[in-house]
N, C-alpha and C. Protein backbone atom coordinates (compact mmCIF):
# COMPACT_ATOMS: atom_id res chain seq x y z
N MET A 1 -1.13 -2.03 1.29
CA MET A 1 -1.51 -1.59 0.20
C MET A 1 -0.63 0.06 0.11
N ARG A 2 0.33 0.18 -0.95
CA ARG A 2 1.10 1.58 -1.07
C ARG A 2 0.19 2.73 -1.65
N PHE A 3 0.15 3.46 -0.88
CA PHE A 3 -0.43 4.75 -0.92
C PHE A 3 0.52 6.05 -1.27
N LEU A 4 0.29 7.22 -2.05
CA LEU A 4 0.72 8.57 -1.60
C LEU A 4 0.15 9.42 -0.85
N ILE A 5 0.77 9.79 -0.08
CA ILE A 5 0.19 11.30 0.62
C ILE A 5 0.90 12.43 0.42
N LEU A 6 -0.38 13.09 -0.17
CA LEU A 6 0.47 14.41 -0.57
C LEU A 6 -0.24 15.57 0.68
N ALA A 7 0.63 16.35 1.36
CA ALA A 7 0.29 17.46 2.18
C ALA A 7 0.30 18.66 1.48
N LYS A 8 -0.31 19.41 1.20
CA LYS A 8 -0.35 20.92 0.71
C LYS A 8 -0.37 21.55 1.91
N ILE A 9 0.80 22.62 1.91
CA ILE A 9 1.05 23.29 3.18
C ILE A 9 0.73 24.85 2.45
N PRO A 10 -0.40 25.50 3.05
CA PRO A 10 -0.66 27.05 2.98
C PRO A 10 0.46 27.72 3.09
N THR A 11 1.14 28.81 2.31
CA THR A 11 2.25 29.39 2.42
C THR A 11 2.14 30.24 4.03
N GLU A 12 1.28 30.52 4.39
CA GLU A 12 1.42 31.03 5.66
C GLU A 12 1.84 30.34 6.77
N ASP A 13 0.75 29.15 7.08
CA ASP A 13 1.09 27.76 7.78
C ASP A 13 2.85 27.48 7.55
N GLY A 14 3.15 27.31 5.99
CA GLY A 14 4.68 27.06 5.91
C GLY A 14 5.80 27.95 6.12
N ASN A 15 4.98 29.11 5.93
CA ASN A 15 6.18 30.36 6.71
C ASN A 15 6.71 29.88 8.29
N LYS A 16 5.23 29.98 9.11
CA LYS A 16 5.68 29.89 10.21
C LYS A 16 6.31 28.84 10.89
N MET A 17 6.02 27.21 9.99
CA MET A 17 6.64 25.82 10.40
C MET A 17 7.91 25.93 10.03
N VAL A 18 8.59 26.60 9.20
CA VAL A 18 9.99 26.50 8.58
C VAL A 18 10.88 27.53 9.36
N GLN A 19 10.18 28.51 10.16
CA GLN A 19 10.87 28.98 10.97
C GLN A 19 11.18 28.67 12.50
N ASP A 20 10.27 27.54 12.91
CA ASP A 20 10.50 26.61 14.08
C ASP A 20 11.72 25.88 13.62
N PRO A 21 12.57 26.22 15.01
CA PRO A 21 13.76 25.65 15.07
C PRO A 21 13.85 23.93 15.19
N ASN A 22 12.68 23.33 15.49
CA ASN A 22 12.74 22.10 15.53
C ASN A 22 12.04 21.41 14.25
N PHE A 23 11.28 22.28 13.46
CA PHE A 23 11.04 21.74 12.03
C PHE A 23 11.48 20.50 11.64
N LEU A 24 12.96 20.47 11.29
CA LEU A 24 13.18 19.44 10.54
C LEU A 24 13.33 18.28 11.28
N ARG A 25 13.80 18.26 12.44
CA ARG A 25 13.61 17.20 13.59
C ARG A 25 12.24 16.75 13.64
N LYS A 26 11.12 17.48 13.54
CA LYS A 26 9.73 17.27 13.94
C LYS A 26 9.33 16.19 12.36
N LEU A 27 9.72 17.16 11.05
CA LEU A 27 9.30 16.16 9.84
C LEU A 27 10.49 14.85 9.94
N GLU A 28 11.38 14.65 9.86
CA GLU A 28 12.01 13.31 9.97
C GLU A 28 11.33 12.51 11.54
N GLU A 29 11.23 12.68 12.25
CA GLU A 29 10.18 11.81 13.00
C GLU A 29 8.81 11.27 12.58
N TYR A 30 8.27 12.13 11.82
CA TYR A 30 7.12 11.87 11.12
C TYR A 30 7.72 10.80 9.95
N ILE A 31 8.41 11.30 9.20
CA ILE A 31 8.84 10.17 8.04
C ILE A 31 9.17 8.80 8.72
N ILE A 32 9.90 8.93 9.82
CA ILE A 32 10.05 7.85 10.72
C ILE A 32 9.09 6.70 10.88
N LYS A 33 8.45 7.38 11.53
CA LYS A 33 7.00 6.85 12.22
C LYS A 33 6.06 6.61 11.06
N VAL A 34 5.91 7.14 9.95
CA VAL A 34 5.13 6.40 9.37
C VAL A 34 5.76 5.71 8.23
N ARG A 35 7.15 5.24 8.77
CA ARG A 35 8.16 4.47 7.62
C ARG A 35 7.62 4.65 6.24
N ALA A 36 7.92 5.90 5.77
CA ALA A 36 7.90 6.34 4.33
C ALA A 36 8.76 5.74 3.58
N GLU A 37 8.58 5.28 2.44
CA GLU A 37 9.29 4.65 1.75
C GLU A 37 10.16 5.68 0.75
N ALA A 38 9.54 6.66 0.46
CA ALA A 38 9.95 7.52 -0.17
C ALA A 38 9.70 9.07 0.31
N THR A 39 10.22 10.19 -0.21
CA THR A 39 9.54 11.41 0.47
C THR A 39 10.34 12.33 -0.32
N TYR A 40 9.43 13.04 -0.77
CA TYR A 40 9.75 14.43 -1.65
C TYR A 40 8.98 15.57 -1.38
N PHE A 41 9.50 16.77 -1.77
CA PHE A 41 9.05 18.15 -1.52
C PHE A 41 9.12 19.00 -2.51
N PHE A 42 8.02 19.53 -2.84
CA PHE A 42 7.96 20.52 -4.36
C PHE A 42 6.93 21.71 -3.75
N GLU A 43 6.81 22.34 -4.89
CA GLU A 43 5.80 23.43 -5.00
C GLU A 43 4.86 23.08 -6.02
N ALA A 44 3.30 23.45 -5.45
CA ALA A 44 2.43 23.22 -6.45
C ALA A 44 1.53 24.21 -5.97
N ASP A 45 0.87 24.96 -7.00
CA ASP A 45 0.02 26.15 -7.33
C ASP A 45 0.15 26.88 -6.08
N GLY A 46 1.56 27.33 -5.86
CA GLY A 46 2.01 28.47 -4.94
C GLY A 46 2.22 27.88 -3.52
N ASN A 47 1.95 26.37 -3.35
CA ASN A 47 2.20 26.09 -1.93
C ASN A 47 3.10 24.80 -1.87
N ARG A 48 3.69 24.83 -0.66
CA ARG A 48 4.54 23.71 -0.26
C ARG A 48 3.97 22.61 -0.38
N VAL A 49 4.48 21.62 -0.81
CA VAL A 49 4.18 20.21 -1.11
C VAL A 49 5.01 19.15 -0.22
N ALA A 50 4.66 18.22 0.84
CA ALA A 50 5.22 17.39 1.24
C ALA A 50 4.63 15.95 0.76
N SER A 51 5.26 14.70 -0.15
CA SER A 51 4.89 13.69 -0.62
C SER A 51 5.65 12.31 0.25
N PHE A 52 4.73 11.58 0.33
CA PHE A 52 4.93 10.21 1.33
C PHE A 52 4.55 9.30 0.92
N ILE A 53 5.29 8.28 0.13
CA ILE A 53 4.69 6.87 0.03
C ILE A 53 4.84 5.87 1.07
N VAL A 54 3.95 5.41 1.33
CA VAL A 54 3.50 4.43 2.57
C VAL A 54 2.79 3.27 2.43
N ASP A 55 3.45 2.30 2.97
CA ASP A 55 2.39 1.45 2.91
C ASP A 55 1.48 1.19 4.18
N ILE A 56 0.29 0.98 3.64
CA ILE A 56 -1.04 0.94 4.68
C ILE A 56 -1.66 -0.25 4.73
N GLU A 57 -1.11 -0.94 5.84
CA GLU A 57 -1.75 -2.51 5.83
C GLU A 57 -3.14 -2.62 6.17
N SER A 58 -3.86 -1.37 6.86
CA SER A 58 -5.07 -1.44 7.56
C SER A 58 -5.95 0.08 7.51
N THR A 59 -7.21 0.40 6.74
CA THR A 59 -7.39 1.52 7.12
C THR A 59 -7.40 2.17 8.36
N ASP A 60 -7.63 1.57 9.24
CA ASP A 60 -7.53 2.31 10.79
C ASP A 60 -6.21 2.97 10.85
N ARG A 61 -5.13 2.81 10.08
CA ARG A 61 -3.98 3.73 10.27
C ARG A 61 -3.72 5.03 9.52
N ILE A 62 -5.00 5.02 8.72
CA ILE A 62 -5.08 6.28 8.00
C ILE A 62 -4.90 7.46 8.83
N PRO A 63 -6.07 7.60 10.11
CA PRO A 63 -5.95 8.62 10.85
C PRO A 63 -4.63 8.87 11.59
N VAL A 64 -3.96 7.92 11.79
CA VAL A 64 -2.72 7.74 12.66
C VAL A 64 -1.51 8.43 11.33
N LEU A 65 -1.88 8.46 10.30
CA LEU A 65 -1.13 8.92 9.10
C LEU A 65 -1.25 10.32 8.97
N LEU A 66 -2.37 10.78 8.85
CA LEU A 66 -2.87 11.79 8.02
C LEU A 66 -3.15 13.02 9.24
N GLU A 67 -3.69 12.61 10.31
CA GLU A 67 -3.76 13.37 11.42
C GLU A 67 -2.57 14.71 11.80
N PRO A 68 -1.64 14.33 11.89
CA PRO A 68 -0.31 14.97 12.01
C PRO A 68 -0.24 16.09 10.83
N LEU A 69 -0.62 15.85 9.79
CA LEU A 69 -0.46 16.65 8.62
C LEU A 69 -1.44 17.66 8.61
N PHE A 70 -2.92 17.23 9.02
CA PHE A 70 -3.91 18.23 9.22
C PHE A 70 -3.48 19.09 10.54
N SER A 71 -3.12 18.51 11.43
CA SER A 71 -3.25 19.55 12.94
C SER A 71 -1.84 20.03 12.96
N GLY A 72 -0.61 19.42 12.55
CA GLY A 72 0.69 20.01 12.81
C GLY A 72 0.94 20.78 11.53
N MET A 73 0.39 20.94 10.49
CA MET A 73 1.07 21.44 9.31
C MET A 73 -0.03 22.33 8.54
N GLY A 74 -1.25 22.07 9.28
CA GLY A 74 -2.28 23.02 8.47
C GLY A 74 -2.49 22.42 6.90
N ALA A 75 -1.85 21.42 6.64
CA ALA A 75 -1.94 21.08 5.54
C ALA A 75 -3.52 20.66 4.66
N HIS A 76 -3.65 20.85 3.75
CA HIS A 76 -4.98 20.05 2.70
C HIS A 76 -4.03 18.73 2.31
N VAL A 77 -4.80 17.66 3.03
CA VAL A 77 -4.16 16.25 2.62
C VAL A 77 -4.94 15.65 1.50
N GLU A 78 -4.08 14.84 0.58
CA GLU A 78 -4.65 14.00 -0.37
C GLU A 78 -4.20 12.67 -0.02
N LEU A 79 -4.96 11.43 0.03
CA LEU A 79 -4.43 10.35 -0.16
C LEU A 79 -4.68 9.33 -1.35
N HIS A 80 -3.81 8.68 -2.33
CA HIS A 80 -4.04 7.97 -3.42
C HIS A 80 -3.58 6.47 -3.36
N PRO A 81 -3.86 5.62 -3.70
CA PRO A 81 -3.71 4.32 -3.66
C PRO A 81 -2.56 4.54 -5.17
N VAL A 82 -1.46 3.89 -5.05
CA VAL A 82 -0.21 3.88 -5.90
C VAL A 82 0.31 2.33 -6.29
N MET A 83 0.83 2.31 -7.49
CA MET A 83 1.36 1.20 -7.75
C MET A 83 2.67 1.40 -8.51
N SER A 84 3.46 0.42 -8.20
CA SER A 84 4.93 0.50 -8.96
C SER A 84 4.73 0.10 -10.69
N PHE A 85 5.70 -0.22 -11.10
CA PHE A 85 5.68 -0.71 -12.49
C PHE A 85 5.64 -2.09 -12.64
N ASP A 86 5.94 -2.84 -11.94
CA ASP A 86 6.02 -4.37 -11.57
C ASP A 86 4.40 -4.71 -10.86
N ASP A 87 3.78 -3.72 -10.34
CA ASP A 87 2.47 -4.23 -10.10
C ASP A 87 1.65 -4.04 -11.41
N LEU A 88 1.75 -2.58 -12.19
CA LEU A 88 1.03 -2.46 -13.59
C LEU A 88 1.16 -3.76 -14.55
N LYS A 89 2.64 -4.35 -14.34
CA LYS A 89 2.72 -5.07 -15.06
C LYS A 89 1.74 -6.61 -15.00
N LYS A 90 1.50 -6.68 -13.41
CA LYS A 90 0.93 -7.72 -13.18
C LYS A 90 -0.50 -7.58 -13.33
N GLY A 91 -1.00 -6.17 -13.16
CA GLY A 91 -2.40 -5.90 -13.25
C GLY A 91 -2.78 -5.87 -14.59
N ILE A 92 -2.25 -5.29 -15.51
CA ILE A 92 -2.51 -4.86 -17.16
C ILE A 92 -3.06 -6.19 -17.78
N PRO A 93 -2.32 -7.13 -17.61
CA PRO A 93 -2.91 -8.30 -18.28
C PRO A 93 -4.52 -9.10 -17.97
N GLN A 94 -4.68 -8.82 -16.83
CA GLN A 94 -5.84 -9.22 -15.88
C GLN A 94 -7.02 -8.09 -16.18
N ALA A 95 -6.39 -6.84 -16.24
CA ALA A 95 -7.56 -5.85 -16.57
C ALA A 95 -7.96 -5.91 -18.20
N VAL A 96 -7.28 -6.45 -19.09
CA VAL A 96 -7.44 -6.20 -20.43
C VAL A 96 -8.45 -7.93 -20.42
N VAL A 97 -8.30 -8.91 -19.68
CA VAL A 97 -9.28 -9.85 -19.98
C VAL A 97 -10.41 -9.64 -19.27
N GLU A 98 -10.27 -9.08 -17.93
CA GLU A 98 -11.70 -8.53 -17.67
C GLU A 98 -12.61 -7.54 -18.38
N ALA A 99 -12.05 -6.77 -18.85
CA ALA A 99 -12.59 -5.61 -19.92
C ALA A 99 -13.15 -6.46 -21.14
N ASN A 100 -12.39 -7.01 -21.80
CA ASN A 100 -12.81 -7.99 -22.77
C ASN A 100 -14.14 -8.85 -22.57
N SER A 101 -14.20 -9.17 -21.29
CA SER A 101 -15.26 -10.46 -21.12
C SER A 101 -16.54 -9.54 -20.79
N TYR A 102 -16.43 -7.89 -20.55
CA TYR A 102 -17.73 -7.15 -20.42
C TYR A 102 -18.11 -6.67 -21.94
N ARG A 103 -17.47 -7.06 -22.85
CA ARG A 103 -17.97 -6.36 -24.38
C ARG A 103 -19.03 -7.28 -24.68
N TYR A 104 -20.00 -6.54 -25.28
CA TYR A 104 -21.33 -7.10 -25.93
C TYR A 104 -21.05 -7.42 -27.44
């Protein structure tokens, strides 16, 4: 199942992180390790945010994916299931049928 991982990095932790000469190499190693399909970086609420789209086949992979962000970046981490437009096209017709079956 595809998930969005958001790592919100507090400013102080982020400042220390980017001053590390190995920062980009470590980040790239993480991206490769988690086999991120896409990675984006942006600002939110004054914090640096790294986002990763990953496929998680089994829930026992969640600690492996998240712990480096908690302990290595001091990040506040969120994990959200996501779907592509193709997934949405498959799911909406079934959702409509299901919703209609519960009408009284």
